[in-house]
Amino acid sequence: NALELTVRAGSPERWAVAPSTVFLEAGRTMRVDLRLKLAREIRPKKTAGAAVREGDDEDGGAARQRDVFHVKGEFFEQKFYASFVMATPEEVAAAERRESDARSRSIDHPGFG
């Protein structure tokens, strides 16, 4: 007998879940991929009395985004969470420089090799 499970993202506009329905047999495992889809920059929500984590920037810097996922079976429902942090413009620029440097080092130059 297999247990039918469905996995659903609380923010489906931000997360793709595949497969969203699995049939899991006793003693077996099943891989479910969660893919983050960012169509736009995420800005932290500012609520009255909300605490700001150390390192968070009031101007929309490194705010942690936490999203919920729901796993539902015939006899239960369970939640789990995934978190991510948006890179700052400086972090993006540094990553782009590293990638550019790596590409320029890997180019074959005439007369070599």
Foldseek 3Di string as FASTA:
>chain_A
DWWKKAKFWPCVVFWDKPPRIDTHDPPDDDDIDIDGDDPDDDFDDDDPPDDDDVPDDPVRAWDKDKIKMWMDTPVDIDIDIDIDTDHDPVRVVVVVVVVVVVVVVPDDDPPHD
